[in-house]
N, C-alpha and C. Protein backbone atom coordinates (compact mmCIF):
# COMPACT_ATOMS: atom_id res chain seq x y z
N MET A 1 138.58 -4.50 177.20
CA MET A 1 139.50 -4.00 176.21
C MET A 1 140.72 -4.55 175.81
N GLY A 2 141.31 -3.85 174.79
CA GLY A 2 142.39 -4.65 173.67
C GLY A 2 143.46 -4.77 174.44
N VAL A 3 144.29 -5.62 173.64
CA VAL A 3 145.52 -5.85 174.54
C VAL A 3 146.56 -5.11 174.50
N LEU A 4 146.50 -4.14 173.35
CA LEU A 4 147.47 -2.93 173.18
C LEU A 4 147.33 -2.14 174.42
N ALA A 5 145.34 -2.03 175.06
CA ALA A 5 145.40 -1.30 176.18
C ALA A 5 145.82 -1.86 177.12
N ARG A 6 145.96 -2.98 177.25
CA ARG A 6 145.90 -3.77 178.86
C ARG A 6 147.23 -3.49 179.33
N SER A 7 148.23 -3.69 177.93
CA SER A 7 149.43 -3.61 177.74
C SER A 7 150.19 -2.35 178.37
N ILE A 8 149.26 -1.29 178.21
CA ILE A 8 150.00 -0.30 178.58
C ILE A 8 149.37 0.44 179.81
N LYS A 9 148.90 -0.11 180.51
CA LYS A 9 148.07 0.30 181.54
C LYS A 9 149.26 -0.79 182.21
N GLN A 10 149.61 -2.04 182.12
CA GLN A 10 149.96 -2.82 182.38
C GLN A 10 151.93 -2.24 182.87
N PHE A 11 151.74 -2.14 181.61
CA PHE A 11 152.43 -0.41 182.08
C PHE A 11 153.31 0.54 182.77
N LEU A 12 152.23 1.02 182.35
CA LEU A 12 151.72 2.05 183.98
C LEU A 12 152.32 2.20 185.00
N ILE A 13 151.51 0.56 185.61
CA ILE A 13 151.42 -0.04 186.52
C ILE A 13 152.30 0.07 187.36
N TYR A 14 153.15 -0.65 186.53
CA TYR A 14 154.51 -1.10 186.78
C TYR A 14 155.41 0.27 187.42
N ALA A 15 155.37 1.03 186.08
CA ALA A 15 156.04 2.26 186.34
C ALA A 15 155.44 3.07 187.81
N LEU A 16 154.30 2.16 188.43
CA LEU A 16 154.16 3.83 189.51
C LEU A 16 154.35 2.26 190.55
N ALA A 17 154.44 0.99 190.32
CA ALA A 17 154.79 0.27 191.77
C ALA A 17 156.76 0.69 191.94
N GLY A 18 157.12 0.95 190.80
CA GLY A 18 158.70 1.10 190.96
C GLY A 18 158.53 2.18 191.25
N TYR A 19 158.18 3.70 191.30
CA TYR A 19 158.14 4.37 192.12
C TYR A 19 158.29 4.54 193.45
N LEU A 20 156.93 3.64 193.97
CA LEU A 20 156.49 3.59 194.96
C LEU A 20 157.40 2.61 196.30
N PHE A 21 157.59 1.63 194.87
CA PHE A 21 158.67 0.40 196.07
C PHE A 21 159.86 0.49 196.30
N PHE A 22 160.27 1.59 195.24
CA PHE A 22 162.14 1.89 195.43
C PHE A 22 162.37 2.78 196.96
N GLY A 23 162.96 2.04 197.28
CA GLY A 23 162.41 3.62 199.23
C GLY A 23 163.43 2.93 199.60
N ALA A 24 167.26 2.15 198.76
CA ALA A 24 168.63 3.05 198.78
C ALA A 24 169.64 1.90 198.62
N SER A 25 171.99 2.14 198.82
CA SER A 25 172.95 1.28 197.57
C SER A 25 173.99 1.43 197.55
N ALA A 26 175.40 1.01 196.50
CA ALA A 26 176.54 0.10 197.07
C ALA A 26 177.49 1.19 196.89
N SER A 27 178.83 1.34 197.25
CA SER A 27 180.26 1.40 196.55
C SER A 27 180.02 3.14 196.33
N ALA A 28 180.03 3.61 197.48
CA ALA A 28 180.02 5.36 197.48
C ALA A 28 181.49 5.22 198.31
N ASN A 29 182.40 6.58 198.71
CA ASN A 29 183.54 6.45 199.58
C ASN A 29 183.05 7.93 199.97
N LYS A 30 183.20 8.44 199.27
CA LYS A 30 182.66 10.07 199.44
C LYS A 30 181.51 10.33 200.29
N LEU A 31 181.01 11.54 201.24
CA LEU A 31 179.90 11.92 201.22
C LEU A 31 179.63 12.90 200.21
N ASN A 32 180.25 13.04 199.29
CA ASN A 32 179.27 14.16 198.00
C ASN A 32 179.41 13.05 196.89
N SER A 33 179.35 12.01 197.11
CA SER A 33 179.20 11.08 196.45
C SER A 33 177.68 11.43 195.80
N ALA A 34 177.40 11.46 194.28
CA ALA A 34 176.15 11.50 193.65
C ALA A 34 175.63 10.17 193.58
N ILE A 35 174.29 10.35 193.27
CA ILE A 35 173.26 9.52 193.18
C ILE A 35 173.85 8.30 192.16
N SER A 36 173.54 7.12 192.39
CA SER A 36 173.80 6.52 191.40
C SER A 36 172.76 4.99 191.55
N VAL A 37 172.09 5.20 190.34
CA VAL A 37 171.31 4.49 189.82
C VAL A 37 171.30 3.69 188.58
N GLN A 38 171.64 1.94 188.62
CA GLN A 38 171.64 1.15 187.31
C GLN A 38 171.04 0.50 187.16
N LEU A 39 170.73 -0.30 185.99
CA LEU A 39 169.53 -1.48 185.98
C LEU A 39 170.11 -2.93 185.07
N PHE A 40 169.97 -3.66 185.14
CA PHE A 40 170.88 -4.58 184.63
C PHE A 40 170.01 -5.34 183.96
N PRO A 41 169.12 -6.08 183.41
CA PRO A 41 168.30 -7.02 181.96
C PRO A 41 168.90 -8.36 182.53
N MET A 42 167.84 -9.12 183.12
CA MET A 42 168.61 -10.15 183.94
C MET A 42 167.46 -11.15 184.23
N ASP A 43 167.47 -12.36 183.51
CA ASP A 43 166.65 -13.34 183.85
C ASP A 43 164.92 -13.30 183.84
N GLY A 44 164.89 -12.10 182.30
CA GLY A 44 163.41 -11.98 182.40
C GLY A 44 163.13 -10.59 183.26
N GLY A 45 163.36 -9.35 183.96
CA GLY A 45 163.89 -8.99 185.05
C GLY A 45 164.81 -8.25 184.77
N PHE A 46 164.90 -7.33 185.77
CA PHE A 46 166.07 -6.68 185.72
C PHE A 46 166.50 -6.58 187.52
N GLU A 47 167.70 -6.43 187.46
CA GLU A 47 168.77 -6.38 188.70
C GLU A 47 168.43 -4.51 188.40
N VAL A 48 168.36 -4.35 189.96
CA VAL A 48 168.88 -3.13 190.26
C VAL A 48 170.00 -2.31 191.21
N LYS A 49 171.18 -1.66 191.13
CA LYS A 49 171.37 -1.46 191.82
C LYS A 49 171.67 0.50 192.16
N ALA A 50 171.86 0.67 193.21
CA ALA A 50 171.85 2.10 193.86
C ALA A 50 172.21 2.32 194.94
N SER A 51 173.05 3.88 194.49
CA SER A 51 173.63 4.26 196.05
C SER A 51 173.57 5.37 196.60
N TYR A 52 173.58 6.58 197.85
CA TYR A 52 173.52 7.27 197.65
C TYR A 52 174.06 7.47 199.77
N ALA A 53 175.25 8.61 199.17
CA ALA A 53 175.81 8.68 200.67
C ALA A 53 174.83 9.67 201.61
N THR A 54 175.07 9.36 203.05
CA THR A 54 174.35 10.67 203.59
C THR A 54 174.75 11.09 204.73
N PRO A 55 174.24 12.64 205.58
CA PRO A 55 175.32 13.03 206.85
C PRO A 55 174.74 12.21 207.68
N LEU A 56 173.91 11.45 208.08
CA LEU A 56 173.93 10.45 209.15
C LEU A 56 174.54 9.45 209.43
N SER A 57 174.90 9.15 210.75
CA SER A 57 175.66 8.10 212.07
C SER A 57 174.36 6.92 211.12
N GLN A 58 174.91 5.40 211.63
CA GLN A 58 175.10 4.59 210.86
C GLN A 58 173.55 4.47 211.23
N CYS A 59 173.49 4.06 213.13
CA CYS A 59 172.41 4.37 213.86
C CYS A 59 170.95 5.17 213.25
N GLN A 60 171.52 6.26 212.99
CA GLN A 60 170.10 7.18 212.60
C GLN A 60 169.85 7.05 211.56
N ALA A 61 170.61 6.08 210.55
CA ALA A 61 170.36 5.96 208.74
C ALA A 61 169.62 4.45 208.93
N TYR A 62 170.06 3.08 210.10
CA TYR A 62 169.15 1.71 210.46
C TYR A 62 167.95 2.99 211.22
N ALA A 63 167.68 3.51 211.99
CA ALA A 63 166.57 4.36 212.11
C ALA A 63 165.52 4.39 211.32
N LEU A 64 165.51 4.98 210.30
CA LEU A 64 165.19 5.68 209.33
C LEU A 64 165.13 4.83 208.70
N LEU A 65 165.62 3.88 208.35
CA LEU A 65 165.32 3.30 207.20
C LEU A 65 164.06 1.77 207.54
N THR A 66 164.06 1.53 208.94
CA THR A 66 163.14 0.85 209.87
C THR A 66 162.33 1.23 210.57
N ASN A 67 162.00 2.79 210.64
CA ASN A 67 161.14 3.47 210.90
C ASN A 67 159.84 2.52 209.46
N PHE A 68 159.04 1.95 209.93
CA PHE A 68 157.82 1.78 208.80
C PHE A 68 157.18 2.29 209.37
N ASN A 69 156.86 2.52 210.03
CA ASN A 69 155.59 3.63 210.59
C ASN A 69 155.52 4.83 210.69
N ASP A 70 156.18 5.95 209.51
CA ASP A 70 156.81 6.82 209.57
C ASP A 70 157.55 6.93 207.78
N ASN A 71 156.29 5.93 207.27
CA ASN A 71 156.56 6.69 205.62
C ASN A 71 156.84 7.47 205.24
N GLU A 72 157.39 8.41 204.04
CA GLU A 72 156.79 9.11 203.37
C GLU A 72 155.88 9.66 202.39
N PRO A 73 154.44 10.58 203.40
CA PRO A 73 153.72 10.41 202.70
C PRO A 73 152.95 10.50 200.47
N SER A 74 152.32 9.33 200.89
CA SER A 74 152.24 9.87 199.22
C SER A 74 150.49 9.72 198.75
N GLU A 75 149.87 10.09 197.82
CA GLU A 75 148.76 10.39 197.32
C GLU A 75 147.98 9.18 197.64
N SER A 76 149.52 7.71 196.79
CA SER A 76 148.55 7.09 196.32
C SER A 76 148.30 5.73 196.97
N ILE A 77 149.32 5.74 197.93
CA ILE A 77 148.70 5.30 199.37
C ILE A 77 148.16 5.86 200.25
N ARG A 78 146.67 4.51 199.94
CA ARG A 78 144.89 4.73 200.72
C ARG A 78 145.47 3.93 202.09
N SER A 79 145.87 3.11 202.49
CA SER A 79 146.59 2.29 203.88
C SER A 79 147.37 2.06 203.30
N SER A 80 147.24 1.21 205.40
CA SER A 80 149.31 0.99 205.21
C SER A 80 149.17 0.17 206.84
N LYS A 81 149.52 -1.09 206.86
CA LYS A 81 149.81 -1.94 208.39
C LYS A 81 150.56 -2.66 207.93
N VAL A 82 151.44 -2.41 209.40
CA VAL A 82 152.77 -2.79 209.67
C VAL A 82 152.24 -3.96 210.75
N THR A 83 152.73 -4.70 210.60
CA THR A 83 152.44 -6.43 211.49
C THR A 83 154.39 -6.61 211.89
N ARG A 84 154.88 -6.62 212.79
CA ARG A 84 155.76 -7.30 213.62
C ARG A 84 155.69 -9.06 213.47
N LEU A 85 156.34 -9.78 213.11
CA LEU A 85 156.43 -11.20 213.05
C LEU A 85 157.30 -11.26 213.87
N SER A 86 158.49 -11.16 213.96
CA SER A 86 159.10 -12.14 214.63
C SER A 86 160.09 -10.86 215.47
N GLU A 87 160.74 -10.55 215.95
CA GLU A 87 162.15 -9.69 216.31
C GLU A 87 162.67 -9.31 215.48
N ASN A 88 163.65 -9.93 214.13
CA ASN A 88 163.41 -9.43 213.21
C ASN A 88 162.64 -9.85 211.76
N THR A 89 161.61 -9.58 211.85
CA THR A 89 160.75 -9.20 210.26
C THR A 89 160.03 -9.13 210.53
N VAL A 90 158.88 -7.71 209.98
CA VAL A 90 158.76 -6.88 209.84
C VAL A 90 157.59 -7.09 208.65
N ARG A 91 156.22 -7.21 208.71
CA ARG A 91 155.01 -7.12 206.82
C ARG A 91 154.76 -5.65 207.06
N VAL A 92 154.53 -5.09 205.86
CA VAL A 92 154.44 -3.68 205.36
C VAL A 92 153.27 -4.61 204.37
N GLU A 93 151.52 -4.39 204.81
CA GLU A 93 150.49 -4.71 203.83
C GLU A 93 150.23 -2.64 203.47
N GLN A 94 150.13 -2.45 202.15
CA GLN A 94 149.75 -1.56 201.39
C GLN A 94 148.64 -1.42 201.04
N ARG A 95 147.50 -0.20 200.40
CA ARG A 95 146.33 -0.34 198.89
C ARG A 95 147.22 0.82 197.90
N ILE A 96 147.09 0.16 197.27
CA ILE A 96 147.61 1.73 196.11
C ILE A 96 146.82 2.04 195.01
N GLU A 97 146.42 2.98 195.23
CA GLU A 97 145.73 3.55 194.01
C GLU A 97 145.83 4.83 193.75
N ASP A 98 145.42 4.57 192.28
CA ASP A 98 146.05 6.27 191.46
C ASP A 98 145.54 6.46 190.71
N THR A 99 146.17 7.14 189.41
CA THR A 99 145.23 7.20 188.25
C THR A 99 146.29 8.21 187.13
N THR A 100 147.08 7.09 186.40
CA THR A 100 147.86 7.53 185.76
C THR A 100 147.62 7.55 184.30
N LEU A 101 147.48 9.00 183.35
CA LEU A 101 147.44 9.23 182.34
C LEU A 101 145.41 8.62 182.61
N LEU A 102 145.04 8.10 181.38
CA LEU A 102 143.72 7.53 180.85
C LEU A 102 143.21 6.81 182.14
N PHE A 103 144.60 5.79 182.89
CA PHE A 103 144.15 4.46 183.43
C PHE A 103 143.92 4.38 184.93
N SER A 104 142.62 4.34 185.58
CA SER A 104 142.59 4.23 187.49
C SER A 104 143.37 2.71 188.01
N THR A 105 143.91 2.35 188.22
CA THR A 105 144.73 1.44 189.26
C THR A 105 144.93 0.80 190.76
N HIS A 106 144.61 0.20 190.95
CA HIS A 106 144.91 -0.61 191.98
C HIS A 106 145.43 -1.56 193.04
N PHE A 107 145.85 -2.18 193.60
CA PHE A 107 146.34 -3.29 193.98
C PHE A 107 146.86 -2.91 194.81
N ASP A 108 147.03 -4.43 195.55
CA ASP A 108 147.09 -4.51 197.44
C ASP A 108 149.18 -5.29 197.25
N SER A 109 149.23 -4.43 198.15
CA SER A 109 150.68 -4.59 198.41
C SER A 109 151.34 -5.85 199.87
N ILE A 110 152.05 -6.71 199.40
CA ILE A 110 152.34 -7.20 201.06
C ILE A 110 154.17 -7.85 200.60
N ILE A 111 155.14 -6.53 201.80
CA ILE A 111 156.21 -7.23 201.27
C ILE A 111 156.97 -7.62 202.76
N ASP A 112 157.27 -9.03 203.21
CA ASP A 112 158.25 -8.38 204.45
C ASP A 112 159.75 -8.65 204.16
N TYR A 113 159.97 -8.10 205.29
CA TYR A 113 161.44 -7.51 205.79
C TYR A 113 162.28 -7.86 207.36
N THR A 114 163.46 -8.15 207.29
CA THR A 114 163.72 -9.42 207.24
C THR A 114 165.70 -7.90 207.49
N GLU A 115 165.08 -7.58 209.45
CA GLU A 115 166.69 -6.35 209.50
C GLU A 115 167.25 -6.69 210.08
N GLU A 116 168.47 -6.71 209.73
CA GLU A 116 170.09 -7.28 210.39
C GLU A 116 170.41 -6.29 211.01
N PRO A 117 170.17 -6.05 212.58
CA PRO A 117 170.61 -4.40 213.20
C PRO A 117 171.75 -4.15 212.83
N SER A 118 171.45 -2.32 213.03
CA SER A 118 172.21 -1.86 212.72
C SER A 118 172.92 -1.35 211.48
N LYS A 119 172.68 -3.44 210.40
CA LYS A 119 173.29 -2.44 209.43
C LYS A 119 172.99 -3.14 207.36
N ALA A 120 171.75 -3.68 207.33
CA ALA A 120 171.30 -4.26 206.44
C ALA A 120 169.67 -4.62 206.97
N MET A 121 169.02 -4.82 205.32
CA MET A 121 168.11 -5.83 205.60
C MET A 121 167.10 -6.18 204.16
N GLN A 122 166.68 -7.52 204.77
CA GLN A 122 166.45 -7.69 203.31
C GLN A 122 165.15 -7.95 202.89
N PHE A 123 164.34 -7.40 201.60
CA PHE A 123 162.95 -8.35 201.78
C PHE A 123 161.89 -8.78 200.63
N LYS A 124 161.42 -8.75 200.69
CA LYS A 124 160.89 -10.02 199.38
C LYS A 124 159.42 -9.81 199.69
N GLN A 125 158.58 -9.72 197.95
CA GLN A 125 157.74 -9.09 197.87
C GLN A 125 156.20 -10.44 198.58
N LEU A 126 155.45 -10.54 198.47
CA LEU A 126 154.77 -11.57 198.92
C LEU A 126 153.76 -11.24 197.97
N LYS A 127 152.70 -10.24 197.34
CA LYS A 127 151.90 -9.88 196.97
C LYS A 127 151.67 -8.55 196.20
N GLY A 128 151.80 -8.55 195.08
CA GLY A 128 151.60 -6.91 194.76
C GLY A 128 151.78 -6.84 193.05
N TYR A 129 152.00 -6.00 192.83
CA TYR A 129 151.91 -5.98 190.71
C TYR A 129 152.68 -6.42 189.90
N LEU A 130 153.67 -6.90 190.69
CA LEU A 130 155.57 -7.29 190.07
C LEU A 130 155.22 -8.58 190.25
N LYS A 131 155.74 -9.29 189.00
CA LYS A 131 155.55 -11.05 189.39
C LYS A 131 156.61 -11.47 190.31
N GLU A 132 157.71 -10.89 191.06
CA GLU A 132 158.84 -11.00 191.55
C GLU A 132 159.59 -9.79 192.44
N TYR A 133 159.88 -8.98 192.94
CA TYR A 133 160.16 -7.93 193.77
C TYR A 133 161.39 -8.49 195.32
N ARG A 134 162.03 -8.61 195.03
CA ARG A 134 163.30 -9.03 196.68
C ARG A 134 164.25 -8.17 196.70
N GLY A 135 164.75 -7.91 197.24
CA GLY A 135 166.59 -7.48 197.37
C GLY A 135 166.95 -7.27 199.02
N SER A 136 167.81 -6.03 198.58
CA SER A 136 168.31 -5.57 200.03
C SER A 136 168.68 -4.46 200.32
N TRP A 137 168.94 -3.81 201.92
CA TRP A 137 169.70 -2.02 201.92
C TRP A 137 170.96 -2.44 202.97
N LEU A 138 172.26 -2.05 202.37
CA LEU A 138 173.14 -1.96 203.30
C LEU A 138 173.55 -0.67 203.91
N LEU A 139 173.57 -0.77 204.96
CA LEU A 139 173.77 0.51 205.68
C LEU A 139 175.66 0.96 205.40
N THR A 140 176.45 1.35 204.74
CA THR A 140 178.48 0.77 205.40
C THR A 140 178.56 2.73 206.07
N PRO A 141 179.08 2.90 207.09
CA PRO A 141 180.09 3.82 207.22
C PRO A 141 180.84 4.27 206.54
N ILE A 142 180.86 5.21 206.31
CA ILE A 142 181.90 6.36 205.66
C ILE A 142 182.23 7.76 206.68
N GLU A 143 183.67 8.31 206.41
CA GLU A 143 183.75 8.97 207.06
C GLU A 143 182.85 10.31 207.18
N GLY A 144 182.44 11.04 208.11
CA GLY A 144 180.87 11.98 207.77
C GLY A 144 179.29 11.09 207.49
N GLY A 145 179.58 10.23 207.57
CA GLY A 145 177.72 9.59 207.21
C GLY A 145 177.96 8.40 207.17
N THR A 146 177.03 8.28 205.94
CA THR A 146 177.06 6.70 206.25
C THR A 146 176.04 6.16 204.45
N VAL A 147 176.89 5.80 203.93
CA VAL A 147 175.42 4.44 202.65
C VAL A 147 175.06 4.51 202.18
N PHE A 148 173.88 5.25 201.80
CA PHE A 148 172.44 3.41 202.12
C PHE A 148 173.48 3.01 200.16
N THR A 149 173.00 1.46 200.28
CA THR A 149 173.34 0.96 199.03
C THR A 149 171.79 -0.27 199.10
N PHE A 150 171.39 0.16 197.59
CA PHE A 150 170.25 -0.68 197.17
C PHE A 150 169.72 -2.07 196.11
N ASN A 151 169.86 -3.20 196.47
CA ASN A 151 170.23 -4.04 195.71
C ASN A 151 169.22 -4.53 195.87
N ALA A 152 168.14 -4.69 194.35
CA ALA A 152 167.48 -5.89 194.09
C ALA A 152 167.07 -6.34 192.80
N PHE A 153 166.70 -7.27 192.49
CA PHE A 153 165.49 -8.04 191.26
C PHE A 153 164.45 -7.50 190.82
N LEU A 154 163.56 -7.43 189.94
CA LEU A 154 162.21 -7.21 189.98
C LEU A 154 161.82 -7.99 188.33
N GLN A 155 160.70 -8.59 188.26
CA GLN A 155 160.20 -9.06 187.56
C GLN A 155 158.93 -8.31 186.57
N LEU A 156 159.24 -8.31 185.62
CA LEU A 156 157.89 -7.93 185.22
C LEU A 156 157.29 -8.55 184.03
N ASP A 157 155.83 -7.85 183.89
CA ASP A 157 154.92 -9.26 182.64
C ASP A 157 154.58 -7.84 181.66
N SER A 158 155.15 -7.58 180.66
CA SER A 158 154.85 -7.46 180.03
C SER A 158 155.29 -7.33 178.03
N ILE A 159 154.74 -7.12 177.29
CA ILE A 159 154.55 -7.37 176.02
C ILE A 159 156.09 -5.64 175.42
N PHE A 160 155.96 -5.15 176.73
CA PHE A 160 157.51 -3.64 176.24
C PHE A 160 158.49 -4.21 175.62
N PRO A 161 159.01 -3.90 174.69
CA PRO A 161 160.50 -3.85 175.14
C PRO A 161 161.19 -3.51 176.16
N GLN A 162 162.36 -4.06 176.43
CA GLN A 162 163.00 -4.08 178.11
C GLN A 162 163.67 -2.19 178.17
N PHE A 163 164.25 -2.24 176.72
CA PHE A 163 164.87 -0.98 176.99
C PHE A 163 164.13 0.48 177.41
N LEU A 164 162.58 0.00 176.45
CA LEU A 164 162.15 1.31 177.17
C LEU A 164 161.48 1.03 178.40
N ILE A 165 161.54 0.21 179.02
CA ILE A 165 160.73 -0.03 180.49
C ILE A 165 161.88 0.35 181.16
N LYS A 166 163.53 -0.23 180.75
CA LYS A 166 164.65 0.04 181.20
C LYS A 166 164.89 1.50 182.10
N GLN A 167 164.68 2.73 180.52
CA GLN A 167 164.24 3.86 180.54
C GLN A 167 163.57 4.84 181.51
N PHE A 168 162.25 4.05 181.48
CA PHE A 168 160.87 5.03 182.27
C PHE A 168 161.55 4.58 183.74
N LEU A 169 161.62 2.99 184.44
CA LEU A 169 161.94 3.18 185.59
C LEU A 169 163.22 2.93 185.40
N LEU A 170 164.53 3.97 184.68
CA LEU A 170 165.36 4.15 184.99
C LEU A 170 164.82 5.94 185.85
N SER A 171 164.31 6.79 185.03
CA SER A 171 164.05 7.92 185.75
C SER A 171 162.90 7.63 186.60
N ARG A 172 162.32 7.29 186.89
CA ARG A 172 161.26 7.50 188.14
C ARG A 172 162.30 7.05 188.65
N MET A 173 163.55 6.37 189.32
CA MET A 173 163.58 5.61 190.13
C MET A 173 165.03 6.84 190.79
N GLU A 174 165.29 7.57 189.54
CA GLU A 174 166.43 8.94 189.82
C GLU A 174 164.91 9.53 190.97
N SER A 175 164.65 9.34 190.12
CA SER A 175 163.33 10.90 191.21
C SER A 175 162.97 10.69 192.96
N ARG A 176 163.10 9.03 193.27
CA ARG A 176 162.81 8.51 194.29
C ARG A 176 164.13 8.90 195.01
N PHE A 177 165.11 8.22 194.09
CA PHE A 177 166.08 8.43 195.33
C PHE A 177 166.77 9.64 195.99
N GLU A 178 166.74 10.72 194.21
CA GLU A 178 166.87 11.82 194.98
C GLU A 178 166.04 13.02 196.43
N LYS A 179 164.95 12.23 195.94
CA LYS A 179 164.09 12.42 197.22
C LYS A 179 164.73 11.79 198.89
N MET A 180 164.63 10.65 198.96
CA MET A 180 165.14 9.94 199.88
C MET A 180 166.71 10.66 200.41
N ALA A 181 167.21 10.62 199.69
CA ALA A 181 168.61 11.57 200.42
C ALA A 181 168.26 12.70 200.63
N ALA A 182 167.59 13.34 200.06
CA ALA A 182 167.08 14.45 200.10
C ALA A 182 166.21 14.95 202.49
N ARG A 183 165.30 13.79 201.81
CA ARG A 183 164.79 13.64 203.21
C ARG A 183 165.77 13.26 204.41
N ALA A 184 166.49 12.33 203.96
CA ALA A 184 168.21 11.64 205.03
C ALA A 184 169.19 12.75 205.46
N LYS A 185 169.25 13.74 204.60
CA LYS A 185 169.69 14.78 205.00
C LYS A 185 169.21 16.28 205.83
N ALA A 186 167.75 16.31 205.25
CA ALA A 186 166.64 16.66 206.45
C ALA A 186 166.71 16.31 207.78
N ARG A 187 167.49 15.04 207.98
CA ARG A 187 167.01 14.17 209.73
C ARG A 187 168.68 14.49 210.17
N VAL A 188 169.73 15.27 209.81
CA VAL A 188 170.72 14.82 210.40
C VAL A 188 170.14 14.93 211.90
N ASP A 189 169.85 16.30 212.35
CA ASP A 189 169.72 16.86 213.69
C ASP A 189 168.62 16.22 214.64
N LEU A 190 168.57 14.93 213.81
CA LEU A 190 167.22 14.25 214.59
C LEU A 190 167.78 12.92 214.88
N ILE A 191 167.90 12.89 216.70
CA ILE A 191 168.81 12.17 217.09
C ILE A 191 166.97 10.71 217.55
N PRO A 192 167.59 9.74 217.13
CA PRO A 192 166.30 8.99 218.02
C PRO A 192 166.69 8.07 218.78
N ASP A 193 165.75 8.00 219.76
CA ASP A 193 166.33 7.89 221.22
C ASP A 193 167.27 6.25 221.27
N GLN A 194 167.16 5.69 219.92
CA GLN A 194 168.38 4.52 220.09
C GLN A 194 169.34 4.76 220.01
N CYS A 195 169.20 6.15 219.37
CA CYS A 195 171.11 6.37 219.15
C CYS A 195 171.91 7.81 219.87
N LYS A 196 171.31 7.65 220.83
CA LYS A 196 171.62 9.10 221.82
C LYS A 196 172.43 8.22 222.68
């Protein structure tokens, strides 16, 4: 496979990884605030800032955020294993397989999540197709709901210009966060046991 073909395949894998991994973010103060997603070049990668408001209580939002066994279904996730390493640390291992355009891709993903009950969650990729992926989720109560805030850093390895990668990832992430916000809204009447 030539250099250009390998680079195109890498770019598509990064796009897939961005779609699968970004799964919320800062500074919304009204329940009907629009979803906000921003990418900034940083240290050879991207800083990601995103946010959206939901009608969920903070307890409901935290229960949804930390329900690792109830992830959104994806045809690309072939297997998923959740292991609790300690009271506040969870490891999620997944096997990802997908076909994008003419290329078939597969890789293993391992991400550790450190929970801060009711408020936040930190995460770090230990294994995956991105060179580096780490960040956090923050839950902020507002009148009538909760704001999900997502901050992350991701680093790629590609010959494509950053502005092209940025636009492609931005489009994918906006779609992803829209689905997440809709999923949260659909669960407003579901009250987990810990929130009763």
